[in-house]
Amino acid sequence: MTRADPIIRLGFAGAVALLNVTPALSASPAQPVQGWSAMQGIAPATLLEDIHTLPVSELAIDDQPYCASDAEIAATLRHDFDEHPVETAGAQGTELWGSDQLGTWTLVAPRADETSCIIASGIGFSDDRSTQAYYTVAGL
């Protein structure tokens, strides 16, 4: 796996989410919250249990959640999705990032080594909605 692979996967996931919100081009509290695990077939809660044992994505040998330095995760979410931190002490220590403009959201699991992993993402974000809605959709 090359360093570009996780970035391509994150970009692809973002493109799919953007295609789903393109008709609205902005967030709406009426849009239902939808979310997806970072790994198909594995619930975000299960990913969270093993998050500290996963290598950063550039060293991964199998499909896994996107893991990188905290700075790289933050820069990617800000630049590619216009997301900002919404809740930094959420369910089971996760961080919720969201974009009221694009209507996208991401759950990030910080680790003690100044790296983080994305465990879930979705659409239907609105600053007007309770943050619990996103954790519920993610199963946390």
Protein backbone atom coordinates (compact mmCIF):
# COMPACT_ATOMS: atom_id res chain seq x y z
CA MET A 1 0.00 0.00 0.00
CA THR A 2 1.41 3.38 -0.90
CA ARG A 3 0.97 6.61 1.07
CA ALA A 4 -1.46 7.80 -1.60
CA ASP A 5 -3.84 4.85 -1.08
CA PRO A 6 -5.42 6.09 2.18
CA ILE A 7 -5.71 9.61 0.79
CA ILE A 8 -7.40 8.25 -2.32
CA ARG A 9 -9.79 6.19 -0.14
CA LEU A 10 -10.64 9.23 2.00
CA GLY A 11 -11.15 11.35 -1.12
CA PHE A 12 -13.38 8.70 -2.66
CA ALA A 13 -15.47 8.43 0.52
CA GLY A 14 -15.79 12.19 0.56
CA ALA A 15 -16.81 12.30 -3.09
CA VAL A 16 -19.56 9.75 -2.44
CA ALA A 17 -20.82 11.79 0.50
CA LEU A 18 -20.71 14.98 -1.56
CA LEU A 19 -22.68 13.35 -4.37
CA ASN A 20 -25.40 12.59 -1.86
CA VAL A 21 -25.58 16.20 -0.64
CA THR A 22 -25.02 17.96 -3.97
CA PRO A 23 -28.74 18.58 -4.65
CA ALA A 24 -29.00 20.61 -1.48
CA LEU A 25 -25.52 22.22 -1.63
CA SER A 26 -26.05 23.20 1.98
CA ALA A 27 -26.99 21.51 5.19
CA SER A 28 -30.59 21.34 6.24
CA PRO A 29 -31.93 20.22 9.60
CA ALA A 30 -34.63 18.38 7.61
CA GLN A 31 -32.05 16.17 5.85
CA PRO A 32 -31.87 12.82 7.62
CA VAL A 33 -28.62 11.85 9.29
CA GLN A 34 -26.96 8.99 7.44
CA GLY A 35 -23.63 7.42 8.29
CA TRP A 36 -21.18 4.74 7.29
CA SER A 37 -18.46 2.88 9.11
CA ALA A 38 -14.88 3.46 7.97
CA MET A 39 -14.73 -0.27 7.21
CA GLN A 40 -17.57 -2.01 5.48
CA GLY A 41 -19.08 -4.71 7.64
CA ILE A 42 -17.42 -3.56 10.87
CA ALA A 43 -19.34 -1.29 13.24
CA PRO A 44 -17.65 1.93 14.43
CA ALA A 45 -17.93 0.69 18.04
CA THR A 46 -15.91 -2.40 17.10
CA LEU A 47 -13.33 -0.28 15.31
CA LEU A 48 -13.04 1.89 18.39
CA GLU A 49 -12.22 -1.14 20.56
CA ASP A 50 -9.16 -1.92 18.40
CA ILE A 51 -8.20 1.60 17.33
CA HIS A 52 -4.98 1.72 19.38
CA THR A 53 -3.56 -1.36 17.66
CA LEU A 54 -3.96 -0.10 14.08
CA PRO A 55 -0.92 1.21 12.21
CA VAL A 56 -1.02 4.61 10.55
CA SER A 57 -2.45 4.21 7.08
CA GLU A 58 0.86 4.56 5.25
CA LEU A 59 2.07 1.39 7.04
CA ALA A 60 -1.17 -0.60 6.77
CA ILE A 61 -1.16 -3.91 4.94
CA ASP A 62 -4.92 -4.46 4.91
CA ASP A 63 -8.04 -2.38 4.56
CA GLN A 64 -8.46 -0.34 7.72
CA PRO A 65 -9.76 3.02 8.89
CA TYR A 66 -7.78 6.06 7.76
CA CYS A 67 -5.22 6.72 10.52
CA ALA A 68 -2.70 9.57 10.42
CA SER A 69 -1.21 12.34 12.51
CA ASP A 70 -3.74 14.57 14.26
CA ALA A 71 -2.52 17.48 12.13
CA GLU A 72 -3.01 15.55 8.86
CA ILE A 73 -6.52 14.42 9.83
CA ALA A 74 -7.48 17.99 10.82
CA ALA A 75 -6.02 19.52 7.65
CA THR A 76 -7.78 16.99 5.43
CA LEU A 77 -11.18 17.43 7.08
CA ARG A 78 -10.88 21.23 6.96
CA HIS A 79 -9.56 21.47 3.40
CA ASP A 80 -11.49 18.71 1.64
CA PHE A 81 -14.82 18.87 3.49
CA ASP A 82 -14.89 22.29 5.20
CA GLU A 83 -15.42 20.41 8.48
CA HIS A 84 -14.58 21.83 11.89
CA PRO A 85 -14.48 20.27 15.36
CA VAL A 86 -17.99 20.23 16.84
CA GLU A 87 -17.45 18.08 19.93
CA THR A 88 -13.99 17.06 21.12
CA ALA A 89 -15.03 14.91 24.07
CA GLY A 90 -17.83 12.87 22.53
CA ALA A 91 -18.95 9.29 22.91
CA GLN A 92 -16.15 7.04 24.16
CA GLY A 93 -13.56 9.81 23.67
CA THR A 94 -14.28 10.44 20.00
CA GLU A 95 -14.34 13.77 18.22
CA LEU A 96 -17.21 14.88 15.98
CA TRP A 97 -16.30 17.08 13.01
CA GLY A 98 -18.96 18.60 10.78
CA SER A 99 -19.64 21.02 7.97
CA ASP A 100 -22.80 23.07 8.18
CA GLN A 101 -22.07 24.25 4.64
CA LEU A 102 -21.68 20.80 3.01
CA GLY A 103 -23.74 18.80 5.48
CA THR A 104 -20.99 16.19 6.03
CA TRP A 105 -19.77 14.80 9.36
CA THR A 106 -16.89 12.61 10.54
CA LEU A 107 -16.16 10.73 13.77
CA VAL A 108 -12.49 10.72 14.68
CA ALA A 109 -10.89 8.53 17.35
CA PRO A 110 -7.82 10.27 18.84
CA ARG A 111 -4.96 8.16 20.15
CA ALA A 112 -2.33 8.89 22.79
CA ASP A 113 0.51 9.03 20.21
CA GLU A 114 -0.81 12.22 18.52
CA THR A 115 -2.44 10.23 15.74
CA SER A 116 -6.13 9.65 15.07
CA CYS A 117 -8.31 7.33 13.04
CA ILE A 118 -11.53 8.07 11.21
CA ILE A 119 -14.11 5.51 12.31
CA ALA A 120 -17.31 6.80 10.65
CA SER A 121 -18.62 9.53 8.39
CA GLY A 122 -21.85 10.59 6.83
CA ILE A 123 -24.23 13.25 5.65
CA GLY A 124 -27.07 15.20 7.19
CA PHE A 125 -24.94 17.39 9.44
CA SER A 126 -26.42 20.61 10.78
CA ASP A 127 -25.20 22.81 13.63
CA ASP A 128 -28.86 23.00 14.66
CA ARG A 129 -29.05 19.25 15.39
CA SER A 130 -28.01 17.59 18.64
CA THR A 131 -24.60 15.93 18.40
CA GLN A 132 -26.14 12.77 19.87
CA ALA A 133 -27.84 12.14 16.49
CA TYR A 134 -24.47 11.44 14.84
CA TYR A 135 -23.25 9.18 17.64
CA THR A 136 -26.55 7.26 17.53
CA VAL A 137 -26.27 6.70 13.76
CA ALA A 138 -22.69 5.49 14.29
CA GLY A 139 -23.82 3.11 17.03
CA LEU A 140 -21.91 4.81 19.84
